[in-house]
Amino acid sequence: MNMQIPQISKGTKEQYMRSRHEILLGIYEHIIHSKHVQAQISKEALKQEELYNHLAYHQKLIITLLHFQNHNIMLDNFAWIIKRLHHRNLSKEFFEYELGLWPRVCGAYIDSPFIQEIEMLYAYISNHMEYISTTHTRIKRLKYDSLNEKSAKIHVLLQSGEYAQVRDMAIKEVKDLESLNHFFAHVIGPIMIKVGLDWEEGIITVAKEHMISAQVGDLMVELFATLSPSEVRVDLPTVLVATAPKELHALGAKTISKMLEYYGFKIAYLGGDLSQDEIYNAVIKMQPDVLVLSVTLEVHIMEVQALVARLKSSSPTFRGAILAGGNAFANLSDAKLELGVDEICNSAEALLAKLREL
């Protein structure tokens, strides 16, 4: 299998980004008004709002691929998209139909020779369709399904709403900040990845996902309450923690905020699902020593890049350090330079070490 995504030039990226809104609306309108059998099936299965959201996610993924040209990002995300469509009663024939539409619509907005690079990218995706929809989907599922015995037991209890039993098990595990960090990283972390994957694929409902997330949030608060927080230390940098713009997954950012607070850092936490403007304005107003951005989904990485560029180039500027971390960087070893951040921290321990250096 060819592991190298076709090279995308700067000119192609620029033309696509200039016309991205028109391209998205163009393909949405094409499907809405098409008499093609797959378009008709998709409109019945997804309805208009969900169809638009599906296409918007697809486009965010393409924008990420234009910048990072990463084979594993392509495999993981399109495997998820196909599985998600399957749970909406759409076969891979619809996805094949959709893949053929994107370069056609792009051709109305992107000039030659740049459109040829877009066509090559979609041909590359199409050539991997069989592997994505079968083998890689199973590999991805196995990768995130393999919980150890302790995590598997807690996962079952959380699904059943047996919070008291989970809390009792956790309290026995957590004696200090180090053991708490280990518990969340190696026990709760894999559970939440599985829960997220189950929700994305339609295996569990949104309500079930929210119930489990709420229990984990409560557990975090209770476990921290069993420990003695440090006094705020003036020798440590002040830290503002936020998710990526429009990132809904906020549990990781919230946990990091609480952890740093207990180590003696002065912390401000913004929460999730904020716009780029809201995060930017908060950073400029507060002027912390460090901004920490939690990024769970790879499709939000380019929004982080835009936010970082704006913070560093606008007036007034932000002169503090910018650190990023989260599951979105699992496949990206070169994201630091592309995003313009000071460091990518792949664990709570790495983040803590970097903050102590500043």
Protein backbone atom coordinates (compact mmCIF):
# COMPACT_ATOMS: atom_id res chain seq x y z
CA MET A 1 0.00 0.00 0.00
CA ASN A 2 1.28 3.47 -0.94
CA MET A 3 1.78 5.31 2.36
CA GLN A 4 2.72 8.66 0.80
CA ILE A 5 -0.08 11.14 0.23
CA PRO A 6 0.41 13.19 -2.99
CA GLN A 7 2.38 16.34 -2.39
CA ILE A 8 0.23 19.46 -2.12
CA SER A 9 1.71 22.81 -3.12
CA LYS A 10 1.35 26.10 -1.28
CA GLY A 11 -0.69 27.49 -4.15
CA THR A 12 -3.25 24.68 -3.88
CA LYS A 13 -3.62 25.19 -0.13
CA GLU A 14 -4.10 28.94 -0.59
CA GLN A 15 -6.70 28.57 -3.35
CA TYR A 16 -8.64 25.95 -1.42
CA MET A 17 -8.65 28.02 1.77
CA ARG A 18 -9.83 31.15 -0.08
CA SER A 19 -12.79 29.27 -1.54
CA ARG A 20 -13.49 26.76 1.23
CA HIS A 21 -16.88 28.24 2.17
CA GLU A 22 -18.08 28.32 -1.43
CA ILE A 23 -16.84 24.75 -1.98
CA LEU A 24 -18.69 23.46 1.10
CA LEU A 25 -21.91 25.22 0.16
CA GLY A 26 -21.50 24.08 -3.44
CA ILE A 27 -21.31 20.39 -2.65
CA TYR A 28 -24.13 20.67 -0.11
CA GLU A 29 -26.39 22.34 -2.68
CA HIS A 30 -25.39 19.79 -5.31
CA ILE A 31 -26.49 16.86 -3.11
CA ILE A 32 -29.66 18.61 -1.92
CA HIS A 33 -30.84 19.22 -5.49
CA SER A 34 -29.48 16.02 -7.08
CA LYS A 35 -31.72 13.23 -8.34
CA HIS A 36 -28.89 10.69 -8.00
CA VAL A 37 -30.03 7.66 -6.03
CA GLN A 38 -27.25 8.04 -3.43
CA ALA A 39 -28.10 11.72 -2.93
CA GLN A 40 -31.75 10.79 -2.38
CA ILE A 41 -30.80 8.09 0.14
CA SER A 42 -28.49 10.45 2.03
CA LYS A 43 -31.16 13.14 2.32
CA GLU A 44 -33.56 10.64 3.80
CA ALA A 45 -30.99 9.15 6.19
CA LEU A 46 -29.24 12.33 7.39
CA LYS A 47 -31.69 15.18 6.91
CA GLN A 48 -30.33 18.57 5.88
CA GLU A 49 -28.56 19.73 9.05
CA GLU A 50 -26.76 16.45 9.68
CA LEU A 51 -25.79 16.21 6.00
CA TYR A 52 -24.25 19.69 6.18
CA ASN A 53 -22.39 18.80 9.40
CA HIS A 54 -21.08 15.62 7.78
CA LEU A 55 -19.77 17.58 4.78
CA ALA A 56 -18.25 20.24 7.05
CA TYR A 57 -16.35 17.55 8.98
CA HIS A 58 -15.16 16.05 5.68
CA GLN A 59 -13.88 19.46 4.58
CA LYS A 60 -12.09 20.09 7.89
CA LEU A 61 -10.35 16.76 7.44
CA ILE A 62 -9.31 17.65 3.88
CA ILE A 63 -7.91 20.99 5.10
CA THR A 64 -5.90 19.09 7.73
CA LEU A 65 -4.60 16.71 5.06
CA LEU A 66 -3.65 19.59 2.75
CA HIS A 67 -1.39 20.92 5.48
CA PHE A 68 -0.01 17.76 7.07
CA GLN A 69 -0.32 15.20 4.23
CA ASN A 70 -0.43 12.45 6.84
CA HIS A 71 -1.43 8.93 5.77
CA ASN A 72 -2.55 7.81 9.24
CA ILE A 73 -4.80 10.85 9.73
CA MET A 74 -6.45 10.00 6.42
CA LEU A 75 -6.97 6.34 7.38
CA ASP A 76 -8.23 6.94 10.93
CA ASN A 77 -10.68 9.69 10.09
CA PHE A 78 -12.14 8.27 6.90
CA ALA A 79 -12.51 4.89 8.62
CA TRP A 80 -14.55 6.70 11.27
CA ILE A 81 -16.60 8.58 8.66
CA ILE A 82 -17.51 5.36 6.86
CA LYS A 83 -18.46 3.67 10.13
CA ARG A 84 -20.52 6.70 11.14
CA LEU A 85 -22.37 6.67 7.81
CA HIS A 86 -22.99 2.94 8.20
CA HIS A 87 -24.76 3.62 11.51
CA ARG A 88 -26.93 6.14 9.62
CA ASN A 89 -27.90 3.38 7.16
CA LEU A 90 -25.64 4.71 4.42
CA SER A 91 -23.39 2.26 2.58
CA LYS A 92 -19.90 2.94 1.28
CA GLU A 93 -21.53 3.49 -2.15
CA PHE A 94 -22.72 6.87 -0.87
CA PHE A 95 -19.20 7.71 0.31
CA GLU A 96 -17.80 6.72 -3.09
CA TYR A 97 -20.42 8.95 -4.72
CA GLU A 98 -19.50 11.81 -2.38
CA LEU A 99 -15.76 11.39 -3.03
CA GLY A 100 -16.40 11.86 -6.72
CA LEU A 101 -18.30 15.11 -6.14
CA TRP A 102 -15.69 17.03 -4.16
CA PRO A 103 -13.06 17.45 -6.92
CA ARG A 104 -15.82 18.33 -9.42
CA VAL A 105 -17.12 21.11 -7.20
CA CYS A 106 -13.58 22.26 -6.35
CA GLY A 107 -12.94 22.63 -10.09
CA ALA A 108 -15.31 25.60 -10.19
CA TYR A 109 -13.16 27.53 -7.69
CA ILE A 110 -9.58 26.24 -8.04
CA ASP A 111 -7.50 26.99 -11.13
CA SER A 112 -5.27 24.68 -13.12
CA PRO A 113 -2.72 23.26 -12.35
CA PHE A 114 -3.75 23.37 -8.65
CA ILE A 115 -7.01 21.49 -9.22
CA GLN A 116 -4.95 18.51 -10.45
CA GLU A 117 -3.45 18.19 -6.97
CA ILE A 118 -6.94 18.10 -5.41
CA GLU A 119 -7.95 15.44 -7.95
CA MET A 120 -4.84 13.42 -7.09
CA LEU A 121 -5.64 13.63 -3.37
CA TYR A 122 -9.17 12.33 -3.91
CA ALA A 123 -7.90 9.61 -6.25
CA TYR A 124 -5.50 8.57 -3.48
CA ILE A 125 -8.38 8.38 -0.96
CA SER A 126 -10.52 6.41 -3.44
CA ASN A 127 -7.69 3.96 -4.10
CA HIS A 128 -7.60 3.19 -0.36
CA MET A 129 -11.38 2.85 -0.01
CA GLU A 130 -11.48 -0.94 0.36
CA TYR A 131 -8.74 -0.97 2.99
CA ILE A 132 -10.29 1.98 4.87
CA SER A 133 -13.79 0.48 4.95
CA THR A 134 -12.73 -3.03 5.99
CA THR A 135 -9.27 -3.80 7.37
CA HIS A 136 -8.37 -0.42 8.84
CA THR A 137 -11.78 0.02 10.43
CA ARG A 138 -11.29 -3.29 12.27
CA ILE A 139 -7.71 -2.39 13.25
CA LYS A 140 -8.87 1.00 14.58
CA ARG A 141 -11.62 -0.66 16.59
CA LEU A 142 -9.24 -3.22 18.10
CA LYS A 143 -6.73 -0.49 18.92
CA TYR A 144 -9.23 1.42 21.07
CA ASP A 145 -11.26 -1.54 22.31
CA SER A 146 -8.47 -3.26 24.23
CA LEU A 147 -9.03 -2.15 27.84
CA ASN A 148 -7.11 -3.75 30.69
CA GLU A 149 -9.07 -5.62 33.33
CA LYS A 150 -9.39 -2.66 35.68
CA SER A 151 -10.47 -0.23 32.96
CA ALA A 152 -12.93 -2.77 31.55
CA LYS A 153 -14.58 -3.21 34.95
CA ILE A 154 -14.87 0.54 35.54
CA HIS A 155 -16.19 1.00 32.01
CA VAL A 156 -19.04 -1.45 32.69
CA LEU A 157 -19.86 0.28 35.99
CA LEU A 158 -19.92 3.74 34.35
CA GLN A 159 -22.23 2.49 31.61
CA SER A 160 -24.58 1.14 34.29
CA GLY A 161 -24.43 4.37 36.31
CA GLU A 162 -22.81 2.61 39.29
CA TYR A 163 -20.89 5.72 40.27
CA ALA A 164 -20.46 4.85 43.96
CA GLN A 165 -18.59 1.65 43.10
CA VAL A 166 -16.35 3.51 40.66
CA ARG A 167 -15.60 6.17 43.27
CA ASP A 168 -14.70 3.53 45.89
CA MET A 169 -12.34 1.77 43.48
CA ALA A 170 -10.69 5.04 42.49
CA ILE A 171 -10.18 6.26 46.08
CA LYS A 172 -8.27 3.05 46.81
CA GLU A 173 -5.99 3.80 43.85
CA VAL A 174 -5.32 7.48 44.43
CA LYS A 175 -3.04 8.49 47.30
CA ASP A 176 -1.31 11.58 45.88
CA LEU A 177 -1.11 13.70 42.74
CA GLU A 178 1.21 11.27 40.99
CA SER A 179 -1.11 8.30 41.49
CA LEU A 180 -4.09 10.47 40.49
CA ASN A 181 -2.36 11.45 37.24
CA HIS A 182 -1.54 7.79 36.59
CA PHE A 183 -5.15 6.74 37.27
CA PHE A 184 -6.58 9.26 34.82
CA ALA A 185 -3.93 8.59 32.16
CA HIS A 186 -3.92 4.80 32.25
CA VAL A 187 -7.36 3.82 33.57
CA ILE A 188 -9.85 6.60 32.77
CA GLY A 189 -8.12 7.85 29.60
CA PRO A 190 -8.55 4.60 27.60
CA ILE A 191 -12.17 4.34 28.81
CA MET A 192 -13.01 7.82 27.51
CA ILE A 193 -11.38 7.10 24.15
CA LYS A 194 -13.55 4.01 23.84
CA VAL A 195 -16.66 5.91 24.95
CA GLY A 196 -15.96 8.61 22.37
CA LEU A 197 -15.47 6.04 19.63
CA ASP A 198 -18.67 4.21 20.64
CA TRP A 199 -20.59 7.50 20.50
CA GLU A 200 -19.09 8.50 17.15
CA GLU A 201 -20.05 5.13 15.65
CA GLY A 202 -23.56 5.19 17.08
CA ILE A 203 -22.98 2.23 19.41
CA ILE A 204 -24.04 4.32 22.41
CA THR A 205 -26.41 7.28 22.50
CA VAL A 206 -25.49 10.90 23.11
CA ALA A 207 -27.31 10.63 26.45
CA LYS A 208 -25.17 7.65 27.49
CA GLU A 209 -21.98 9.43 26.46
CA HIS A 210 -23.02 12.51 28.47
CA MET A 211 -23.87 10.35 31.50
CA ILE A 212 -20.45 8.67 31.49
CA SER A 213 -18.64 11.99 30.96
CA ALA A 214 -20.58 13.57 33.83
CA GLN A 215 -19.65 10.71 36.15
CA VAL A 216 -15.98 11.04 35.22
CA GLY A 217 -16.15 14.79 35.79
CA ASP A 218 -17.66 14.22 39.24
CA LEU A 219 -15.02 11.59 39.98
CA MET A 220 -12.24 14.01 39.14
CA VAL A 221 -13.65 16.61 41.53
CA GLU A 222 -14.03 14.06 44.33
CA LEU A 223 -10.55 12.63 43.89
CA PHE A 224 -8.91 16.04 43.92
CA ALA A 225 -10.89 16.84 47.07
CA THR A 226 -9.14 13.95 48.86
CA LEU A 227 -5.79 15.69 48.33
CA SER A 228 -4.32 18.83 49.83
CA PRO A 229 -3.73 21.55 47.21
CA SER A 230 -0.55 23.58 47.25
CA GLU A 231 -0.65 27.29 47.92
CA VAL A 232 -0.34 29.41 44.78
CA ARG A 233 3.37 29.81 44.09
CA VAL A 234 4.52 33.18 42.77
CA ASP A 235 7.60 31.56 41.22
CA LEU A 236 5.43 29.54 38.81
CA PRO A 237 3.90 30.98 35.61
CA THR A 238 0.21 31.88 35.44
CA VAL A 239 -1.65 29.55 33.08
CA LEU A 240 -4.79 29.88 30.99
CA VAL A 241 -6.25 26.54 29.82
CA ALA A 242 -8.69 26.20 26.91
CA THR A 243 -9.77 23.68 24.33
CA ALA A 244 -9.28 24.21 20.62
CA PRO A 245 -11.86 26.54 19.05
CA LYS A 246 -15.24 24.76 18.83
CA GLU A 247 -13.83 21.68 20.58
CA LEU A 248 -16.60 19.99 22.55
CA HIS A 249 -14.35 17.55 24.41
CA ALA A 250 -13.36 19.51 27.51
CA LEU A 251 -12.70 16.82 30.13
CA GLY A 252 -8.97 16.64 29.40
CA ALA A 253 -8.57 20.42 29.66
CA LYS A 254 -10.58 20.50 32.88
CA THR A 255 -8.46 17.72 34.42
CA ILE A 256 -5.22 19.45 33.42
CA SER A 257 -6.47 22.71 34.94
CA LYS A 258 -7.26 21.05 38.23
CA MET A 259 -3.96 19.18 38.30
CA LEU A 260 -1.92 22.34 37.73
CA GLU A 261 -3.92 24.19 40.37
CA TYR A 262 -3.04 21.50 42.92
CA TYR A 263 0.64 21.82 42.01
CA GLY A 264 0.52 25.52 42.93
CA PHE A 265 -0.02 27.18 39.55
CA LYS A 266 -2.41 30.12 39.28
CA ILE A 267 -4.97 28.79 36.78
CA ALA A 268 -7.81 30.16 34.69
CA TYR A 269 -9.95 27.63 32.81
CA LEU A 270 -12.17 28.68 29.90
CA GLY A 271 -14.11 25.47 29.26
CA GLY A 272 -15.00 24.04 25.86
CA ASP A 273 -16.97 24.90 22.71
CA LEU A 274 -15.70 28.49 22.48
CA SER A 275 -15.13 30.37 19.25
CA GLN A 276 -11.71 31.57 18.14
CA ASP A 277 -12.78 35.13 18.96
CA GLU A 278 -13.83 34.19 22.50
CA ILE A 279 -10.53 32.44 23.23
CA TYR A 280 -8.49 35.22 21.62
CA ASN A 281 -10.25 37.96 23.60
CA ALA A 282 -9.80 36.05 26.88
CA VAL A 283 -6.07 35.59 26.26
CA ILE A 284 -5.51 39.23 25.31
CA LYS A 285 -7.46 40.45 28.33
CA MET A 286 -5.90 38.11 30.89
CA GLN A 287 -2.35 38.06 29.45
CA PRO A 288 -1.28 34.84 31.24
CA ASP A 289 2.33 33.71 31.15
CA VAL A 290 1.26 30.52 29.34
CA LEU A 291 -1.70 29.48 27.19
CA VAL A 292 -2.38 25.72 27.20
CA LEU A 293 -4.61 24.38 24.42
CA SER A 294 -6.20 20.92 24.64
CA VAL A 295 -6.97 19.42 21.20
CA THR A 296 -8.85 16.13 21.00
CA LEU A 297 -9.85 15.93 17.33
CA GLU A 298 -7.40 16.32 14.45
CA VAL A 299 -9.90 18.34 12.42
CA HIS A 300 -9.51 21.20 14.92
CA ILE A 301 -5.74 21.49 14.51
CA MET A 302 -5.89 24.09 11.75
CA GLU A 303 -8.20 26.26 13.86
CA VAL A 304 -5.51 26.13 16.54
CA GLN A 305 -2.97 27.25 13.93
CA ALA A 306 -5.17 30.22 13.01
CA LEU A 307 -5.62 31.18 16.66
CA VAL A 308 -1.88 30.97 17.38
CA ALA A 309 -1.04 33.07 14.31
CA ARG A 310 -3.57 35.68 15.35
CA LEU A 311 -2.26 35.86 18.91
CA LYS A 312 1.32 36.30 17.72
CA SER A 313 0.70 38.79 14.92
CA SER A 314 -2.19 40.99 16.03
CA SER A 315 -2.07 44.17 18.05
CA PRO A 316 -2.07 43.93 20.98
CA THR A 317 -0.06 40.72 20.80
CA PHE A 318 0.24 37.88 23.28
CA ARG A 319 3.83 37.53 24.45
CA GLY A 320 3.44 34.45 26.61
CA ALA A 321 4.26 30.85 25.72
CA ILE A 322 1.73 28.65 23.92
CA LEU A 323 1.65 24.90 24.65
CA ALA A 324 -0.66 22.32 23.07
CA GLY A 325 -1.48 18.69 23.71
CA GLY A 326 -4.15 16.03 23.33
CA ASN A 327 -5.11 12.99 21.27
CA ALA A 328 -5.11 15.05 18.07
CA PHE A 329 -1.31 14.95 17.98
CA ALA A 330 -0.94 11.16 18.22
CA ASN A 331 -0.17 10.88 14.48
CA LEU A 332 1.72 14.16 14.16
CA SER A 333 5.36 14.38 15.14
CA ASP A 334 5.95 17.65 13.25
CA ALA A 335 2.97 19.73 14.44
CA LYS A 336 5.01 22.11 16.62
CA LEU A 337 6.56 24.03 13.73
CA GLU A 338 3.39 23.97 11.61
CA LEU A 339 1.24 25.36 14.42
CA GLY A 340 3.77 27.87 15.69
CA VAL A 341 3.41 26.73 19.30
CA ASP A 342 6.29 26.59 21.77
CA GLU A 343 5.80 22.89 22.53
CA ILE A 344 3.54 19.90 21.95
CA CYS A 345 3.14 18.07 25.27
CA ASN A 346 1.98 14.48 24.86
CA SER A 347 1.27 13.81 28.54
CA ALA A 348 0.43 15.59 31.78
CA GLU A 349 3.96 14.85 32.98
CA ALA A 350 5.49 16.47 29.87
CA LEU A 351 3.27 19.53 30.31
CA LEU A 352 4.23 19.88 33.95
CA ALA A 353 7.92 19.58 33.15
CA LYS A 354 7.70 22.21 30.41
CA LEU A 355 5.81 24.66 32.62
CA ARG A 356 8.44 24.32 35.32
CA GLU A 357 11.11 25.24 32.77
CA LEU A 358 9.42 28.55 31.88
